[in-house]
Structures are given as C-alpha cells and as structure tokens.
Amino acid sequence: MDAWYSSLDNLKSIRSHGWVRVTTLRKNRIVNHNKQLNKLDISEEGTLIHLRGYGWVTVFKFTAKNGRIDYMVTRVSHQ
C-alpha cells in the first residue's frame, strides 16, 4: 500500500484485525525516538525500528536504477 495510507490510525486498524501488511513510509518519517528514517543504515535483510506512536516494525530499503529510494515496512515477524 502507498505511503499515503501509512498513517498511525490506519496501521493500528490493520494490526487490530491481525492482518499482515506491507506499506511504504516517507523518508522523513520519525523513527527510533526522533530520527528520520532516511538517516538510518538499513541492512539488506531489513532492520528492526521503532515507529513513533505505533511500535516495532521491520523496514527494508529499495533503491531503483534511477536512484529513487523507497522504504517498505511490515510488522515484526513474531507479532
């Protein structure tokens, strides 16, 4: 789902239903207690981050051939 839909209310609603989701986050989203997402080192295997107002999620960084960077996030696998 698009970053437009990754508001905290939407993410919490999806979690309350127990659904698995994959969505994008904007590069300036605040994570890990006051850091912008694009300032973190994201491993190829995904990185566990704390999404302010939500909780723990796994984020992946994808770089397209044209240089565009997308951050994809899903719930932590043990939830």
PDB file of N, CA and C in Angstrom:
ATOM      1  N   MET A   1       0.836  -1.168   0.000  1.00  0.00           N
ATOM      2  CA  MET A   1       0.000   0.000   0.000  1.00  0.00           C
ATOM      3  C   MET A   1       0.881   1.231   0.000  1.00  0.00           C
ATOM      4  N   ASP A   2       0.408   2.291  -0.511  1.00  0.00           N
ATOM      5  CA  ASP A   2       1.134   3.541  -0.684  1.00  0.00           C
ATOM      6  C   ASP A   2       1.380   4.252   0.652  1.00  0.00           C
ATOM      7  N   ALA A   3       2.431   5.067   0.715  1.00  0.00           N
ATOM      8  CA  ALA A   3       2.773   5.813   1.931  1.00  0.00           C
ATOM      9  C   ALA A   3       1.630   6.708   2.395  1.00  0.00           C
ATOM     10  N   TRP A   4       0.768   7.115   1.492  1.00  0.00           N
ATOM     11  CA  TRP A   4      -0.372   7.952   1.847  1.00  0.00           C
ATOM     12  C   TRP A   4      -1.253   7.255   2.887  1.00  0.00           C
ATOM     13  N   TYR A   5      -1.314   5.925   2.840  1.00  0.00           N
ATOM     14  CA  TYR A   5      -2.172   5.148   3.722  1.00  0.00           C
ATOM     15  C   TYR A   5      -1.477   4.670   4.987  1.00  0.00           C
ATOM     16  N   SER A   6      -0.209   5.034   5.199  1.00  0.00           N
ATOM     17  CA  SER A   6       0.535   4.517   6.351  1.00  0.00           C
ATOM     18  C   SER A   6       0.419   5.415   7.578  1.00  0.00           C
ATOM     19  N   SER A   7      -0.717   6.069   7.728  1.00  0.00           N
ATOM     20  CA  SER A   7      -0.948   6.861   8.935  1.00  0.00           C
ATOM     21  C   SER A   7      -1.020   5.929  10.134  1.00  0.00           C
ATOM     22  N   LEU A   8      -0.767   6.463  11.313  1.00  0.00           N
ATOM     23  CA  LEU A   8      -0.823   5.636  12.515  1.00  0.00           C
ATOM     24  C   LEU A   8      -2.194   5.004  12.701  1.00  0.00           C
ATOM     25  N   ASP A   9      -3.260   5.760  12.449  1.00  0.00           N
ATOM     26  CA  ASP A   9      -4.605   5.208  12.609  1.00  0.00           C
ATOM     27  C   ASP A   9      -4.825   4.014  11.688  1.00  0.00           C
ATOM     28  N   ASN A  10      -4.400   4.116  10.439  1.00  0.00           N
ATOM     29  CA  ASN A  10      -4.560   3.002   9.509  1.00  0.00           C
ATOM     30  C   ASN A  10      -3.721   1.798   9.915  1.00  0.00           C
ATOM     31  N   LEU A  11      -2.470   2.034  10.311  1.00  0.00           N
ATOM     32  CA  LEU A  11      -1.609   0.924  10.730  1.00  0.00           C
ATOM     33  C   LEU A  11      -2.170   0.221  11.959  1.00  0.00           C
ATOM     34  N   LYS A  12      -2.671   0.986  12.910  1.00  0.00           N
ATOM     35  CA  LYS A  12      -3.250   0.395  14.124  1.00  0.00           C
ATOM     36  C   LYS A  12      -4.524  -0.379  13.806  1.00  0.00           C
ATOM     37  N   SER A  13      -5.318   0.108  12.890  1.00  0.00           N
ATOM     38  CA  SER A  13      -6.532  -0.599  12.492  1.00  0.00           C
ATOM     39  C   SER A  13      -6.190  -1.936  11.848  1.00  0.00           C
ATOM     40  N   ILE A  14      -5.211  -1.938  10.964  1.00  0.00           N
ATOM     41  CA  ILE A  14      -4.776  -3.177  10.309  1.00  0.00           C
ATOM     42  C   ILE A  14      -4.265  -4.169  11.348  1.00  0.00           C
ATOM     43  N   ARG A  15      -3.465  -3.671  12.303  1.00  0.00           N
ATOM     44  CA  ARG A  15      -2.928  -4.531  13.363  1.00  0.00           C
ATOM     45  C   ARG A  15      -4.062  -5.128  14.205  1.00  0.00           C
ATOM     46  N   SER A  16      -5.095  -4.338  14.501  1.00  0.00           N
ATOM     47  CA  SER A  16      -6.189  -4.823  15.344  1.00  0.00           C
ATOM     48  C   SER A  16      -6.937  -5.990  14.700  1.00  0.00           C
ATOM     49  N   HIS A  17      -6.887  -6.079  13.377  1.00  0.00           N
ATOM     50  CA  HIS A  17      -7.524  -7.183  12.660  1.00  0.00           C
ATOM     51  C   HIS A  17      -6.588  -8.386  12.510  1.00  0.00           C
ATOM     52  N   GLY A  18      -5.307  -8.208  12.887  1.00  0.00           N
ATOM     53  CA  GLY A  18      -4.349  -9.289  12.754  1.00  0.00           C
ATOM     54  C   GLY A  18      -3.848  -9.500  11.345  1.00  0.00           C
ATOM     55  N   TRP A  19      -4.094  -8.536  10.473  1.00  0.00           N
ATOM     56  CA  TRP A  19      -3.684  -8.651   9.080  1.00  0.00           C
ATOM     57  C   TRP A  19      -2.188  -8.376   8.920  1.00  0.00           C
ATOM     58  N   VAL A  20      -1.583  -9.021   7.944  1.00  0.00           N
ATOM     59  CA  VAL A  20      -0.206  -8.736   7.558  1.00  0.00           C
ATOM     60  C   VAL A  20      -0.262  -7.640   6.508  1.00  0.00           C
ATOM     61  N   ARG A  21       0.634  -6.686   6.603  1.00  0.00           N
ATOM     62  CA  ARG A  21       0.633  -5.600   5.637  1.00  0.00           C
ATOM     63  C   ARG A  21       2.059  -5.238   5.255  1.00  0.00           C
ATOM     64  N   VAL A  22       2.162  -4.695   4.061  1.00  0.00           N
ATOM     65  CA  VAL A  22       3.401  -4.101   3.586  1.00  0.00           C
ATOM     66  C   VAL A  22       3.016  -2.738   3.051  1.00  0.00           C
ATOM     67  N   THR A  23       3.696  -1.733   3.510  1.00  0.00           N
ATOM     68  CA  THR A  23       3.414  -0.377   3.060  1.00  0.00           C
ATOM     69  C   THR A  23       4.721   0.391   2.947  1.00  0.00           C
ATOM     70  N   THR A  24       4.671   1.510   2.308  1.00  0.00           N
ATOM     71  CA  THR A  24       5.845   2.370   2.229  1.00  0.00           C
ATOM     72  C   THR A  24       5.744   3.448   3.291  1.00  0.00           C
ATOM     73  N   LEU A  25       6.895   3.933   3.709  1.00  0.00           N
ATOM     74  CA  LEU A  25       6.974   5.069   4.620  1.00  0.00           C
ATOM     75  C   LEU A  25       7.735   6.188   3.931  1.00  0.00           C
ATOM     76  N   ARG A  26       7.360   7.389   4.242  1.00  0.00           N
ATOM     77  CA  ARG A  26       8.089   8.531   3.692  1.00  0.00           C
ATOM     78  C   ARG A  26       9.464   8.614   4.342  1.00  0.00           C
ATOM     79  N   LYS A  27      10.419   9.120   3.601  1.00  0.00           N
ATOM     80  CA  LYS A  27      11.804   9.150   4.075  1.00  0.00           C
ATOM     81  C   LYS A  27      11.993  10.015   5.313  1.00  0.00           C
ATOM     82  N   ASN A  28      11.087  10.946   5.568  1.00  0.00           N
ATOM     83  CA  ASN A  28      11.240  11.834   6.723  1.00  0.00           C
ATOM     84  C   ASN A  28      10.430  11.372   7.934  1.00  0.00           C
ATOM     85  N   ARG A  29       9.863  10.161   7.871  1.00  0.00           N
ATOM     86  CA  ARG A  29       9.082   9.629   8.992  1.00  0.00           C
ATOM     87  C   ARG A  29       9.976   9.504  10.212  1.00  0.00           C
ATOM     88  N   ILE A  30       9.472   9.887  11.376  1.00  0.00           N
ATOM     89  CA  ILE A  30      10.248   9.839  12.612  1.00  0.00           C
ATOM     90  C   ILE A  30      10.203   8.428  13.187  1.00  0.00           C
ATOM     91  N   VAL A  31      11.387   7.854  13.419  1.00  0.00           N
ATOM     92  CA  VAL A  31      11.536   6.507  13.959  1.00  0.00           C
ATOM     93  C   VAL A  31      12.617   6.513  15.026  1.00  0.00           C
ATOM     94  N   ASN A  32      12.696   5.422  15.780  1.00  0.00           N
ATOM     95  CA  ASN A  32      13.752   5.252  16.787  1.00  0.00           C
ATOM     96  C   ASN A  32      13.935   6.487  17.661  1.00  0.00           C
ATOM     97  N   HIS A  33      12.831   7.035  18.087  1.00  0.00           N
ATOM     98  CA  HIS A  33      12.849   8.157  19.034  1.00  0.00           C
ATOM     99  C   HIS A  33      13.580   9.381  18.478  1.00  0.00           C
ATOM    100  N   ASN A  34      12.972  10.010  17.498  1.00  0.00           N
ATOM    101  CA  ASN A  34      13.397  11.304  16.960  1.00  0.00           C
ATOM    102  C   ASN A  34      14.462  11.274  15.874  1.00  0.00           C
ATOM    103  N   LYS A  35      14.547  10.197  15.111  1.00  0.00           N
ATOM    104  CA  LYS A  35      15.436  10.159  13.940  1.00  0.00           C
ATOM    105  C   LYS A  35      14.589  10.017  12.688  1.00  0.00           C
ATOM    106  N   GLN A  36      15.034  10.664  11.618  1.00  0.00           N
ATOM    107  CA  GLN A  36      14.348  10.484  10.345  1.00  0.00           C
ATOM    108  C   GLN A  36      14.757   9.150   9.736  1.00  0.00           C
ATOM    109  N   LEU A  37      13.802   8.486   9.109  1.00  0.00           N
ATOM    110  CA  LEU A  37      14.042   7.178   8.522  1.00  0.00           C
ATOM    111  C   LEU A  37      15.235   7.182   7.566  1.00  0.00           C
ATOM    112  N   ASN A  38      15.338   8.209   6.732  1.00  0.00           N
ATOM    113  CA  ASN A  38      16.424   8.241   5.743  1.00  0.00           C
ATOM    114  C   ASN A  38      17.797   8.478   6.355  1.00  0.00           C
ATOM    115  N   LYS A  39      17.880   8.721   7.641  1.00  0.00           N
ATOM    116  CA  LYS A  39      19.166   8.918   8.322  1.00  0.00           C
ATOM    117  C   LYS A  39      19.710   7.619   8.915  1.00  0.00           C
ATOM    118  N   LEU A  40      18.935   6.529   8.838  1.00  0.00           N
ATOM    119  CA  LEU A  40      19.351   5.251   9.407  1.00  0.00           C
ATOM    120  C   LEU A  40      20.045   4.380   8.381  1.00  0.00           C
ATOM    121  N   ASP A  41      20.921   3.499   8.851  1.00  0.00           N
ATOM    122  CA  ASP A  41      21.519   2.466   8.000  1.00  0.00           C
ATOM    123  C   ASP A  41      20.570   1.276   8.007  1.00  0.00           C
ATOM    124  N   ILE A  42      20.010   0.968   6.859  1.00  0.00           N
ATOM    125  CA  ILE A  42      19.057  -0.135   6.734  1.00  0.00           C
ATOM    126  C   ILE A  42      19.774  -1.298   6.059  1.00  0.00           C
ATOM    127  N   SER A  43      19.808  -2.463   6.715  1.00  0.00           N
ATOM    128  CA  SER A  43      20.503  -3.623   6.144  1.00  0.00           C
ATOM    129  C   SER A  43      19.680  -4.231   5.021  1.00  0.00           C
ATOM    130  N   GLU A  44      20.333  -5.023   4.182  1.00  0.00           N
ATOM    131  CA  GLU A  44      19.644  -5.691   3.077  1.00  0.00           C
ATOM    132  C   GLU A  44      18.607  -6.691   3.578  1.00  0.00           C
ATOM    133  N   GLU A  45      18.819  -7.227   4.771  1.00  0.00           N
ATOM    134  CA  GLU A  45      17.903  -8.201   5.355  1.00  0.00           C
ATOM    135  C   GLU A  45      16.744  -7.535   6.086  1.00  0.00           C
ATOM    136  N   GLY A  46      16.736  -6.219   6.140  1.00  0.00           N
ATOM    137  CA  GLY A  46      15.724  -5.482   6.880  1.00  0.00           C
ATOM    138  C   GLY A  46      16.249  -5.086   8.246  1.00  0.00           C
ATOM    139  N   THR A  47      15.711  -4.030   8.785  1.00  0.00           N
ATOM    140  CA  THR A  47      16.155  -3.506  10.071  1.00  0.00           C
ATOM    141  C   THR A  47      14.943  -3.279  10.962  1.00  0.00           C
ATOM    142  N   LEU A  48      15.053  -3.730  12.195  1.00  0.00           N
ATOM    143  CA  LEU A  48      14.008  -3.525  13.181  1.00  0.00           C
ATOM    144  C   LEU A  48      14.071  -2.079  13.662  1.00  0.00           C
ATOM    145  N   ILE A  49      12.953  -1.368  13.561  1.00  0.00           N
ATOM    146  CA  ILE A  49      12.907   0.026  14.008  1.00  0.00           C
ATOM    147  C   ILE A  49      11.672   0.234  14.868  1.00  0.00           C
ATOM    148  N   HIS A  50      11.703   1.291  15.647  1.00  0.00           N
ATOM    149  CA  HIS A  50      10.540   1.675  16.437  1.00  0.00           C
ATOM    150  C   HIS A  50       9.861   2.840  15.733  1.00  0.00           C
ATOM    151  N   LEU A  51       8.622   2.625  15.314  1.00  0.00           N
ATOM    152  CA  LEU A  51       7.836   3.643  14.636  1.00  0.00           C
ATOM    153  C   LEU A  51       7.072   4.425  15.691  1.00  0.00           C
ATOM    154  N   ARG A  52       7.391   5.694  15.812  1.00  0.00           N
ATOM    155  CA  ARG A  52       6.803   6.540  16.845  1.00  0.00           C
ATOM    156  C   ARG A  52       5.273   6.462  16.808  1.00  0.00           C
ATOM    157  N   GLY A  53       4.691   6.199  17.961  1.00  0.00           N
ATOM    158  CA  GLY A  53       3.251   6.123  18.083  1.00  0.00           C
ATOM    159  C   GLY A  53       2.651   4.792  17.689  1.00  0.00           C
ATOM    160  N   TYR A  54       3.488   3.839  17.243  1.00  0.00           N
ATOM    161  CA  TYR A  54       2.983   2.547  16.783  1.00  0.00           C
ATOM    162  C   TYR A  54       3.654   1.375  17.480  1.00  0.00           C
ATOM    163  N   GLY A  55       4.972   1.293  17.371  1.00  0.00           N
ATOM    164  CA  GLY A  55       5.707   0.166  17.947  1.00  0.00           C
ATOM    165  C   GLY A  55       6.782  -0.329  16.982  1.00  0.00           C
ATOM    166  N   TRP A  56       7.179  -1.591  17.170  1.00  0.00           N
ATOM    167  CA  TRP A  56       8.278  -2.175  16.402  1.00  0.00           C
ATOM    168  C   TRP A  56       7.804  -2.723  15.068  1.00  0.00           C
ATOM    169  N   VAL A  57       8.571  -2.419  14.026  1.00  0.00           N
ATOM    170  CA  VAL A  57       8.312  -2.888  12.672  1.00  0.00           C
ATOM    171  C   VAL A  57       9.650  -3.201  12.010  1.00  0.00           C
ATOM    172  N   THR A  58       9.597  -3.917  10.900  1.00  0.00           N
ATOM    173  CA  THR A  58      10.798  -4.187  10.111  1.00  0.00           C
ATOM    174  C   THR A  58      10.729  -3.353   8.844  1.00  0.00           C
ATOM    175  N   VAL A  59      11.815  -2.648   8.548  1.00  0.00           N
ATOM    176  CA  VAL A  59      11.853  -1.781   7.371  1.00  0.00           C
ATOM    177  C   VAL A  59      12.931  -2.280   6.407  1.00  0.00           C
ATOM    178  N   PHE A  60      12.626  -2.153   5.118  1.00  0.00           N
ATOM    179  CA  PHE A  60      13.553  -2.516   4.047  1.00  0.00           C
ATOM    180  C   PHE A  60      13.742  -1.296   3.155  1.00  0.00           C
ATOM    181  N   LYS A  61      14.944  -1.141   2.632  1.00  0.00           N
ATOM    182  CA  LYS A  61      15.261  -0.016   1.746  1.00  0.00           C
ATOM    183  C   LYS A  61      15.491  -0.557   0.341  1.00  0.00           C
ATOM    184  N   PHE A  62      14.798   0.019  -0.630  1.00  0.00           N
ATOM    185  CA  PHE A  62      14.940  -0.374  -2.023  1.00  0.00           C
ATOM    186  C   PHE A  62      15.390   0.834  -2.834  1.00  0.00           C
ATOM    187  N   THR A  63      16.450   0.661  -3.602  1.00  0.00           N
ATOM    188  CA  THR A  63      16.944   1.728  -4.456  1.00  0.00           C
ATOM    189  C   THR A  63      16.750   1.314  -5.909  1.00  0.00           C
ATOM    190  N   ALA A  64      15.989   2.102  -6.649  1.00  0.00           N
ATOM    191  CA  ALA A  64      15.720   1.823  -8.059  1.00  0.00           C
ATOM    192  C   ALA A  64      16.916   2.233  -8.918  1.00  0.00           C
ATOM    193  N   LYS A  65      16.966   1.754 -10.148  1.00  0.00           N
ATOM    194  CA  LYS A  65      18.051   2.096 -11.065  1.00  0.00           C
ATOM    195  C   LYS A  65      18.140   3.600 -11.309  1.00  0.00           C
ATOM    196  N   ASN A  66      16.999   4.283 -11.233  1.00  0.00           N
ATOM    197  CA  ASN A  66      17.007   5.734 -11.457  1.00  0.00           C
ATOM    198  C   ASN A  66      17.375   6.524 -10.202  1.00  0.00           C
ATOM    199  N   GLY A  67      17.689   5.809  -9.109  1.00  0.00           N
ATOM    200  CA  GLY A  67      18.110   6.457  -7.870  1.00  0.00           C
ATOM    201  C   GLY A  67      17.007   6.684  -6.853  1.00  0.00           C
ATOM    202  N   ARG A  68      15.773   6.450  -7.234  1.00  0.00           N
ATOM    203  CA  ARG A  68      14.662   6.614  -6.296  1.00  0.00           C
ATOM    204  C   ARG A  68      14.800   5.600  -5.160  1.00  0.00           C
ATOM    205  N   ILE A  69      14.564   6.055  -3.939  1.00  0.00           N
ATOM    206  CA  ILE A  69      14.651   5.198  -2.764  1.00  0.00           C
ATOM    207  C   ILE A  69      13.270   5.075  -2.143  1.00  0.00           C
ATOM    208  N   ASP A  70      12.863   3.830  -1.896  1.00  0.00           N
ATOM    209  CA  ASP A  70      11.607   3.547  -1.210  1.00  0.00           C
ATOM    210  C   ASP A  70      11.909   2.772   0.061  1.00  0.00           C
ATOM    211  N   TYR A  71      11.139   3.070   1.097  1.00  0.00           N
ATOM    212  CA  TYR A  71      11.241   2.364   2.366  1.00  0.00           C
ATOM    213  C   TYR A  71       9.963   1.572   2.563  1.00  0.00           C
ATOM    214  N   MET A  72      10.093   0.251   2.603  1.00  0.00           N
ATOM    215  CA  MET A  72       8.950  -0.645   2.778  1.00  0.00           C
ATOM    216  C   MET A  72       8.974  -1.164   4.208  1.00  0.00           C
ATOM    217  N   VAL A  73       7.805  -1.235   4.809  1.00  0.00           N
ATOM    218  CA  VAL A  73       7.722  -1.655   6.206  1.00  0.00           C
ATOM    219  C   VAL A  73       6.642  -2.720   6.367  1.00  0.00           C
ATOM    220  N   THR A  74       6.896  -3.646   7.277  1.00  0.00           N
ATOM    221  CA  THR A  74       5.924  -4.669   7.635  1.00  0.00           C
ATOM    222  C   THR A  74       6.032  -4.912   9.128  1.00  0.00           C
ATOM    223  N   ARG A  75       5.081  -5.650   9.653  1.00  0.00           N
ATOM    224  CA  ARG A  75       5.107  -5.896  11.090  1.00  0.00           C
ATOM    225  C   ARG A  75       6.273  -6.810  11.454  1.00  0.00           C
ATOM    226  N   VAL A  76       6.645  -6.786  12.706  1.00  0.00           N
ATOM    227  CA  VAL A  76       7.701  -7.655  13.202  1.00  0.00           C
ATOM    228  C   VAL A  76       7.200  -9.089  13.086  1.00  0.00           C
ATOM    229  N   SER A  77       8.054 -10.005  12.631  1.00  0.00           N
ATOM    230  CA  SER A  77       7.620 -11.359  12.304  1.00  0.00           C
ATOM    231  C   SER A  77       7.074 -12.135  13.501  1.00  0.00           C
ATOM    232  N   HIS A  78       7.464 -11.802  14.730  1.00  0.00           N
ATOM    233  CA  HIS A  78       6.983 -12.565  15.884  1.00  0.00           C
ATOM    234  C   HIS A  78       5.718 -11.995  16.505  1.00  0.00           C
ATOM    235  N   GLN A  79       5.101 -10.987  15.902  1.00  0.00           N
ATOM    236  CA  GLN A  79       3.869 -10.421  16.456  1.00  0.00           C
ATOM    237  C   GLN A  79       2.703 -11.305  16.133  1.00  0.00           C
TER     238      GLN A  79
END
